[in-house]
Amino acid sequence: MTRDHPRPVVLRKKLSRSIRQGHPWIYRDALNVRDVLENGAVVEVRTRDGRPIARGFWDERSPIAVRVLEAGGPGHRFANADSLVTERLRAALDRRLERLDLSKTNAFRWVHGENDLLPGVHVDFYADTAVVRFDGDGPRAFYEPFETRLRLAAQPRLPIRAVIDRSAPRTGVETDEREIVENSVRFVVDLVRGQKGGLFIDQRENRIRVAGRARGNSVLNLFGYTGGFAVHAAVAGAQSTDTVDMARPVIEAARRNFELNNLPMDRARFHILDVFTFLTAAVQRGDRWDIVVSDPPSFAPKKAAVHAARQTYQRLHELASAVTTPGGLLCASSCSSHFGKDDFLASIEAGVRQAGREWVFEAQYGAAFDHPVLTAFPEGDYLKFVMGRVH
């Protein structure tokens, strides 16, 4: 692979402005490419009249053919791709460690892909292990040998005992567990089988927001996974918690996390059920909770699913608001970048009206600080977390 002698690729669409503004993706259909290029090969993007406007690397199979590393003409070209990667890894880690006390929180996102100017790779750190995910063969080839670079960038501040590649094929039922702390609350995470490495760390700050309202209140955690919101609420003094998820292994992990924090188990209930089934039965019984947290998986993983997602979100918010006590707090979340903020707020308002209730918006938040968002890359602004009162 040639890293520092890039091959030219020519734009056939007028994308110069968005590239200069910092958008990190160039799709295959926007380019005229005559040669067969290797995965990970450094390329120079040029306009139709031959002016260089960016450098990036090639992905042979992805619709995103070029992931941009740096925009600008000849005067802005990086001198060496290897040093560029190491420098950006260190800079991303610096930004995290400036705000984290590792004795209280030792699980965080070290690299958030395009938003940390390291397109196509994500790195989460759990206690002593870096968990890596590559977004295709192009990024994997470009960043090789990535483990070496991670260890170099981490020295001497961050001890790395192991590096796990989550995007590599795996067989069997292997597990790799770690005990971590998040704002002094303890969790066991499964780095191999758990979703996103075993904990949705993008919700870290939102869990603290819910915990700050939980003392003396009953809390319902829907799509609860391993109990993140419920455990934080219980530690903060919630009167009771209910965690609902249809997957038995994650409910068992949630129970284990309650026990790990020495929480009273007689005030914690766990339900292995489909959330819609649970809520429908709860509405029929007349059950109510002071705080309801709804954090579902993406209902719109692609644009074609947006219409169906709108109906599903609305139905979910109808049922969730129906089991919220009058004056209680409904916390609704969406992790789909295809379902925008305005659409999501509209689905909450419509669902609450359908339940015959009134919705009073309080605040909207996104992902934790270690999941930054580039202004020029709206696709990276995926997480929405909305809090409001139901009357």
Protein backbone atom coordinates (compact mmCIF):
# COMPACT_ATOMS: atom_id res chain seq x y z
CA MET A 1 0.00 0.00 0.00
CA THR A 2 1.22 3.53 -0.78
CA ARG A 3 0.40 5.83 2.13
CA ASP A 4 2.31 8.97 1.32
CA HIS A 5 2.26 8.95 -2.49
CA PRO A 6 -1.47 9.20 -3.11
CA ARG A 7 -3.31 8.10 -6.20
CA PRO A 8 -5.54 10.76 -7.81
CA VAL A 9 -9.33 10.35 -7.92
CA VAL A 10 -11.50 12.92 -9.70
CA LEU A 11 -14.87 14.30 -8.64
CA ARG A 12 -17.64 14.16 -11.20
CA LYS A 13 -20.15 15.85 -8.89
CA LYS A 14 -19.92 19.37 -7.46
CA LEU A 15 -18.98 18.50 -3.89
CA SER A 16 -16.03 20.83 -3.38
CA ARG A 17 -17.89 23.08 -0.97
CA SER A 18 -19.09 20.32 1.36
CA ILE A 19 -15.64 18.69 1.32
CA ARG A 20 -13.91 21.96 2.19
CA GLN A 21 -16.42 22.52 4.98
CA GLY A 22 -15.37 19.21 6.48
CA HIS A 23 -17.80 16.51 5.37
CA PRO A 24 -15.77 13.27 5.65
CA TRP A 25 -17.52 11.00 3.11
CA ILE A 26 -17.31 10.82 -0.67
CA TYR A 27 -19.59 8.27 -2.27
CA ARG A 28 -18.49 6.11 -5.19
CA ASP A 29 -21.06 7.56 -7.59
CA ALA A 30 -19.56 11.03 -7.05
CA LEU A 31 -16.20 9.98 -8.50
CA ASN A 32 -14.58 9.13 -11.81
CA VAL A 33 -12.14 6.31 -11.05
CA ARG A 34 -10.34 4.46 -13.82
CA ASP A 35 -7.88 2.33 -11.85
CA VAL A 36 -8.43 -0.50 -9.38
CA LEU A 37 -7.28 0.76 -5.98
CA GLU A 38 -6.31 -1.21 -2.90
CA ASN A 39 -8.33 -1.01 0.30
CA GLY A 40 -6.73 1.61 2.52
CA ALA A 41 -4.75 3.28 -0.26
CA VAL A 42 -4.24 7.02 0.28
CA VAL A 43 -5.91 9.03 -2.48
CA GLU A 44 -5.86 12.68 -3.51
CA VAL A 45 -9.30 14.01 -4.42
CA ARG A 46 -9.28 16.47 -7.31
CA THR A 47 -11.85 18.60 -9.06
CA ARG A 48 -12.61 18.06 -12.73
CA ASP A 49 -10.11 20.78 -13.66
CA GLY A 50 -7.36 19.01 -11.69
CA ARG A 51 -7.26 21.05 -8.47
CA PRO A 52 -6.50 18.94 -5.34
CA ILE A 53 -9.02 19.59 -2.57
CA ALA A 54 -8.61 16.70 -0.10
CA ARG A 55 -6.80 13.53 0.87
CA GLY A 56 -8.35 10.40 2.26
CA PHE A 57 -8.24 6.64 1.95
CA TRP A 58 -9.99 4.22 -0.35
CA ASP A 59 -12.60 1.56 0.47
CA GLU A 60 -13.06 -0.78 -2.47
CA ARG A 61 -16.39 -2.36 -1.44
CA SER A 62 -18.21 0.35 0.50
CA PRO A 63 -20.59 2.86 -1.13
CA ILE A 64 -18.44 5.38 0.75
CA ALA A 65 -15.42 5.06 -1.53
CA VAL A 66 -13.27 7.75 0.12
CA ARG A 67 -13.12 8.68 3.78
CA VAL A 68 -11.54 12.12 3.99
CA LEU A 69 -8.62 12.65 6.34
CA GLU A 70 -7.88 16.27 5.49
CA ALA A 71 -9.42 18.87 3.21
CA GLY A 72 -7.52 21.62 1.44
CA GLY A 73 -5.07 22.12 -1.40
CA PRO A 74 -1.35 21.34 -1.57
CA GLY A 75 -0.47 23.67 1.29
CA HIS A 76 -2.69 21.70 3.68
CA ARG A 77 -1.49 18.18 2.88
CA PHE A 78 -0.40 16.03 5.79
CA ALA A 79 3.24 14.98 5.52
CA ASN A 80 2.89 11.41 6.74
CA ALA A 81 -0.22 9.26 7.19
CA ASP A 82 1.31 7.17 9.99
CA SER A 83 2.22 10.19 12.11
CA LEU A 84 -1.15 11.77 11.39
CA VAL A 85 -3.01 8.77 12.85
CA THR A 86 -0.84 8.69 15.98
CA GLU A 87 -1.21 12.42 16.55
CA ARG A 88 -4.98 12.26 16.22
CA LEU A 89 -5.21 9.26 18.54
CA ARG A 90 -3.27 11.21 21.17
CA ALA A 91 -5.36 14.34 20.67
CA ALA A 92 -8.61 12.37 21.04
CA LEU A 93 -7.34 10.78 24.25
CA ASP A 94 -6.22 14.17 25.59
CA ARG A 95 -9.74 15.54 25.12
CA ARG A 96 -11.23 12.65 27.11
CA LEU A 97 -8.71 12.63 29.94
CA GLU A 98 -9.09 16.38 30.46
CA ARG A 99 -12.66 15.72 31.63
CA LEU A 100 -12.55 12.23 33.12
CA ASP A 101 -11.42 11.04 36.53
CA LEU A 102 -10.44 7.44 35.75
CA SER A 103 -10.84 6.44 39.40
CA LYS A 104 -14.58 7.23 39.06
CA THR A 105 -15.23 6.57 35.35
CA ASN A 106 -12.99 4.18 33.44
CA ALA A 107 -15.28 3.36 30.51
CA PHE A 108 -15.37 5.88 27.68
CA ARG A 109 -15.22 6.30 23.90
CA TRP A 110 -11.65 7.10 22.97
CA VAL A 111 -12.20 7.45 19.21
CA HIS A 112 -15.53 8.48 17.71
CA GLY A 113 -14.66 7.91 14.07
CA GLU A 114 -15.20 10.79 11.67
CA ASN A 115 -15.99 13.14 14.54
CA ASP A 116 -12.46 12.71 15.91
CA LEU A 117 -10.98 13.06 12.39
CA LEU A 118 -10.24 9.32 12.34
CA PRO A 119 -12.88 8.16 9.87
CA GLY A 120 -14.08 4.58 9.80
CA VAL A 121 -12.86 3.44 13.22
CA HIS A 122 -14.33 3.56 16.74
CA VAL A 123 -12.52 2.72 19.97
CA ASP A 124 -14.15 2.22 23.36
CA PHE A 125 -12.02 1.79 26.49
CA TYR A 126 -13.18 -0.40 29.38
CA ALA A 127 -10.99 -0.47 32.52
CA ASP A 128 -7.86 -1.82 30.80
CA THR A 129 -9.08 -2.96 27.38
CA ALA A 130 -9.55 -1.15 24.08
CA VAL A 131 -12.48 -2.41 22.00
CA VAL A 132 -12.12 -1.54 18.31
CA ARG A 133 -14.65 -1.54 15.46
CA PHE A 134 -13.73 -0.87 11.84
CA ASP A 135 -16.41 0.30 9.41
CA GLY A 136 -15.27 -1.91 6.53
CA ASP A 137 -12.17 -3.29 4.83
CA GLY A 138 -10.84 0.10 3.76
CA PRO A 139 -10.46 1.49 7.29
CA ARG A 140 -9.02 -1.80 8.56
CA ALA A 141 -6.34 -1.76 5.85
CA PHE A 142 -5.53 1.95 6.26
CA TYR A 143 -5.08 1.84 10.04
CA GLU A 144 -2.92 -1.31 10.15
CA PRO A 145 -1.14 -2.04 12.50
CA PHE A 146 -3.76 -0.33 14.66
CA GLU A 147 -3.03 -2.04 17.98
CA THR A 148 0.57 -0.81 17.82
CA ARG A 149 -0.62 2.74 17.21
CA LEU A 150 -3.15 2.58 20.05
CA ARG A 151 -0.55 1.42 22.53
CA LEU A 152 1.90 4.10 21.40
CA ALA A 153 -0.70 6.86 21.70
CA ALA A 154 -1.81 5.64 25.15
CA GLN A 155 1.64 5.76 26.77
CA PRO A 156 2.15 6.50 29.58
CA ARG A 157 -1.30 7.67 30.69
CA LEU A 158 -3.54 4.74 29.84
CA PRO A 159 -2.69 1.12 30.60
CA ILE A 160 -3.87 -1.21 27.80
CA ARG A 161 -3.92 -4.87 28.80
CA ALA A 162 -5.72 -6.08 25.69
CA VAL A 163 -7.16 -4.91 22.37
CA ILE A 164 -10.34 -6.58 21.06
CA ASP A 165 -11.44 -6.18 17.44
CA ARG A 166 -15.25 -6.32 17.51
CA SER A 167 -15.52 -6.23 13.72
CA ALA A 168 -13.47 -9.41 13.27
CA PRO A 169 -15.35 -12.72 12.77
CA ARG A 170 -15.90 -14.74 15.93
CA THR A 171 -17.02 -18.27 16.64
CA GLY A 172 -18.48 -20.02 19.66
CA VAL A 173 -19.83 -18.40 22.80
CA GLU A 174 -16.67 -16.80 24.15
CA THR A 175 -16.95 -14.00 26.68
CA ASP A 176 -14.48 -11.42 27.92
CA GLU A 177 -15.78 -9.64 30.99
CA ARG A 178 -14.52 -6.59 32.82
CA GLU A 179 -15.76 -4.76 35.89
CA ILE A 180 -15.88 -1.04 35.21
CA VAL A 181 -17.01 2.07 37.06
CA GLU A 182 -19.18 4.86 35.67
CA ASN A 183 -19.46 7.86 37.97
CA SER A 184 -18.51 5.48 40.81
CA VAL A 185 -21.31 3.02 39.95
CA ARG A 186 -20.08 -0.49 39.19
CA PHE A 187 -20.98 -2.59 36.14
CA VAL A 188 -19.83 -5.87 34.66
CA VAL A 189 -19.55 -5.64 30.87
CA ASP A 190 -19.12 -8.39 28.28
CA LEU A 191 -16.71 -6.95 25.72
CA VAL A 192 -17.20 -9.75 23.19
CA ARG A 193 -20.92 -10.54 23.20
CA GLY A 194 -22.40 -7.38 24.70
CA GLN A 195 -23.90 -4.73 22.43
CA LYS A 196 -21.51 -1.80 21.91
CA GLY A 197 -18.96 -3.62 24.05
CA GLY A 198 -21.31 -4.25 26.96
CA LEU A 199 -22.50 -0.78 27.98
CA PHE A 200 -24.14 2.07 26.07
CA ILE A 201 -21.60 4.64 27.21
CA ASP A 202 -23.11 7.31 24.94
CA GLN A 203 -25.95 7.55 27.50
CA ARG A 204 -23.58 8.14 30.46
CA GLU A 205 -24.55 11.75 31.08
CA ASN A 206 -28.25 11.05 30.53
CA ARG A 207 -28.12 8.31 33.17
CA ILE A 208 -26.80 10.89 35.62
CA ARG A 209 -29.60 13.28 34.66
CA VAL A 210 -32.21 10.63 35.41
CA ALA A 211 -30.46 9.64 38.64
CA GLY A 212 -30.59 13.27 39.76
CA ARG A 213 -34.40 13.10 39.62
CA ALA A 214 -34.81 9.59 41.03
CA ARG A 215 -34.62 9.90 44.80
CA GLY A 216 -37.87 8.73 46.38
CA ASN A 217 -39.47 7.96 43.00
CA SER A 218 -40.49 4.81 41.18
CA VAL A 219 -38.54 4.28 37.95
CA LEU A 220 -39.42 2.18 34.90
CA ASN A 221 -36.50 1.36 32.60
CA LEU A 222 -37.76 0.18 29.18
CA PHE A 223 -35.42 -1.64 26.80
CA GLY A 224 -33.30 -1.72 29.93
CA TYR A 225 -30.43 -3.84 28.58
CA THR A 226 -28.08 -4.49 31.54
CA GLY A 227 -29.85 -1.97 33.76
CA GLY A 228 -27.80 1.19 33.25
CA PHE A 229 -30.55 3.73 33.96
CA ALA A 230 -32.14 1.59 36.69
CA VAL A 231 -28.88 0.92 38.54
CA HIS A 232 -27.94 4.62 38.58
CA ALA A 233 -31.45 5.53 39.74
CA ALA A 234 -31.32 2.95 42.54
CA VAL A 235 -27.90 4.14 43.70
CA ALA A 236 -29.33 7.67 43.79
CA GLY A 237 -32.15 6.55 46.11
CA ALA A 238 -35.06 5.57 43.88
CA GLN A 239 -37.99 4.13 45.80
CA SER A 240 -38.23 1.23 43.34
CA THR A 241 -37.07 0.23 39.86
CA ASP A 242 -38.48 -1.98 37.12
CA THR A 243 -36.19 -3.10 34.28
CA VAL A 244 -37.78 -4.51 31.11
CA ASP A 245 -36.01 -6.27 28.25
CA MET A 246 -36.95 -9.30 26.18
CA ALA A 247 -33.46 -10.86 26.31
CA ARG A 248 -32.90 -13.13 29.31
CA PRO A 249 -29.06 -12.78 29.35
CA VAL A 250 -29.17 -8.99 29.66
CA ILE A 251 -31.82 -9.08 32.39
CA GLU A 252 -29.64 -11.54 34.29
CA ALA A 253 -26.74 -9.10 33.80
CA ALA A 254 -28.91 -6.26 35.11
CA ARG A 255 -29.71 -8.25 38.24
CA ARG A 256 -26.00 -8.94 38.65
CA ASN A 257 -25.20 -5.22 38.40
CA PHE A 258 -27.71 -4.45 41.15
CA GLU A 259 -26.05 -7.05 43.34
CA LEU A 260 -22.58 -5.72 42.47
CA ASN A 261 -23.58 -2.31 43.90
CA ASN A 262 -25.11 -3.87 47.05
CA LEU A 263 -28.54 -2.47 46.23
CA PRO A 264 -31.69 -3.71 48.01
CA MET A 265 -33.10 -6.38 45.72
CA ASP A 266 -36.58 -6.22 47.27
CA ARG A 267 -37.01 -2.81 45.58
CA ALA A 268 -35.80 -3.97 42.15
CA ARG A 269 -37.96 -5.91 39.71
CA PHE A 270 -36.86 -7.47 36.44
CA HIS A 271 -39.11 -8.44 33.53
CA ILE A 272 -38.11 -10.65 30.58
CA LEU A 273 -40.77 -9.40 28.20
CA ASP A 274 -41.31 -7.54 24.97
CA VAL A 275 -41.67 -3.89 25.97
CA PHE A 276 -44.93 -3.35 24.03
CA THR A 277 -46.43 -6.46 25.65
CA PHE A 278 -45.32 -5.29 29.09
CA LEU A 279 -46.71 -1.78 28.62
CA THR A 280 -50.05 -2.96 27.22
CA ALA A 281 -50.57 -5.16 30.29
CA ALA A 282 -49.42 -2.37 32.63
CA VAL A 283 -51.94 0.04 31.09
CA GLN A 284 -54.72 -2.50 31.57
CA ARG A 285 -53.75 -2.96 35.22
CA GLY A 286 -53.50 0.79 35.79
CA ASP A 287 -49.83 0.64 36.86
CA ARG A 288 -47.98 3.96 37.03
CA TRP A 289 -44.36 5.07 37.55
CA ASP A 290 -42.97 8.49 38.53
CA ILE A 291 -40.15 8.29 35.96
CA VAL A 292 -40.34 6.31 32.72
CA VAL A 293 -37.20 5.88 30.61
CA SER A 294 -37.58 4.56 27.06
CA ASP A 295 -34.29 3.76 25.31
CA PRO A 296 -35.11 1.45 22.37
CA PRO A 297 -32.83 0.11 19.65
CA SER A 298 -32.95 1.96 16.36
CA PHE A 299 -36.35 1.69 14.70
CA ALA A 300 -34.92 3.37 11.55
CA PRO A 301 -31.54 1.82 10.72
CA LYS A 302 -31.97 3.08 7.13
CA LYS A 303 -33.95 5.83 5.42
CA ALA A 304 -36.48 3.38 3.98
CA ALA A 305 -37.58 2.50 7.53
CA VAL A 306 -38.43 6.05 8.62
CA HIS A 307 -42.19 5.83 7.93
CA ALA A 308 -42.60 2.61 9.90
CA ALA A 309 -40.34 3.98 12.65
CA ARG A 310 -42.57 7.04 13.04
CA GLN A 311 -45.57 4.82 13.77
CA THR A 312 -43.60 2.60 16.15
CA TYR A 313 -42.19 5.52 18.12
CA GLN A 314 -45.62 7.10 18.37
CA ARG A 315 -47.17 3.87 19.68
CA LEU A 316 -44.31 3.45 22.17
CA HIS A 317 -44.71 7.00 23.47
CA GLU A 318 -48.46 6.54 23.75
CA LEU A 319 -48.02 3.50 25.98
CA ALA A 320 -45.10 4.98 27.95
CA SER A 321 -47.00 8.18 28.72
CA ALA A 322 -50.05 6.16 29.73
CA VAL A 323 -48.07 4.53 32.57
CA THR A 324 -46.46 7.79 33.76
CA THR A 325 -47.95 9.26 36.92
CA PRO A 326 -49.66 12.68 36.53
CA GLY A 327 -46.83 15.20 36.71
CA GLY A 328 -44.31 12.40 36.24
CA LEU A 329 -41.23 12.46 34.02
CA LEU A 330 -41.09 10.75 30.63
CA CYS A 331 -37.56 10.34 29.21
CA ALA A 332 -37.63 9.23 25.59
CA SER A 333 -34.62 8.35 23.45
CA SER A 334 -33.82 7.54 19.82
CA CYS A 335 -30.46 6.38 18.45
CA SER A 336 -31.32 6.65 14.75
CA SER A 337 -29.64 9.40 12.72
CA HIS A 338 -32.25 8.84 9.99
CA PHE A 339 -35.05 9.88 12.35
CA GLY A 340 -34.43 13.57 12.99
CA LYS A 341 -34.94 15.64 16.11
CA ASP A 342 -38.10 17.35 14.87
CA ASP A 343 -39.66 14.04 13.83
CA PHE A 344 -38.78 12.48 17.16
CA LEU A 345 -40.29 15.32 19.20
CA ALA A 346 -43.41 15.14 17.03
CA SER A 347 -43.71 11.41 17.72
CA ILE A 348 -43.62 12.06 21.46
CA GLU A 349 -46.24 14.79 21.29
CA ALA A 350 -48.51 12.70 19.06
CA GLY A 351 -48.14 9.61 21.23
CA VAL A 352 -48.91 11.49 24.44
CA ARG A 353 -52.01 13.05 22.84
CA GLN A 354 -53.13 9.63 21.66
CA ALA A 355 -52.98 8.48 25.30
CA GLY A 356 -55.23 11.39 26.29
CA ARG A 357 -52.44 13.06 28.24
CA GLU A 358 -50.59 16.39 28.02
CA TRP A 359 -46.85 16.70 27.29
CA VAL A 360 -44.70 19.53 28.68
CA PHE A 361 -41.22 19.56 27.16
CA GLU A 362 -38.32 20.21 29.57
CA ALA A 363 -35.02 19.53 27.80
CA GLN A 364 -33.28 17.69 24.99
CA TYR A 365 -29.80 16.21 25.11
CA GLY A 366 -27.51 14.16 22.89
CA ALA A 367 -24.69 11.71 23.46
CA ALA A 368 -22.02 12.07 26.14
CA PHE A 369 -19.11 14.45 25.54
CA ASP A 370 -16.84 11.65 24.32
CA HIS A 371 -19.17 11.23 21.32
CA PRO A 372 -18.52 14.63 19.66
CA VAL A 373 -20.34 15.79 16.55
CA LEU A 374 -18.79 17.71 13.64
CA THR A 375 -20.95 20.58 12.41
CA ALA A 376 -20.26 19.53 8.81
CA PHE A 377 -21.26 15.91 9.51
CA PRO A 378 -24.92 15.81 10.61
CA GLU A 379 -24.96 12.03 10.10
CA GLY A 380 -22.89 11.80 13.26
CA ASP A 381 -25.56 13.48 15.39
CA TYR A 382 -27.58 10.37 16.06
CA LEU A 383 -28.64 10.26 19.73
CA LYS A 384 -31.66 12.16 21.02
CA PHE A 385 -32.70 12.11 24.67
CA VAL A 386 -35.79 14.14 25.58
CA MET A 387 -37.18 14.83 29.06
CA GLY A 388 -40.63 16.18 29.75
CA ARG A 389 -43.58 16.11 32.14
CA VAL A 390 -46.77 14.17 31.49
CA HIS A 391 -50.04 15.52 32.90
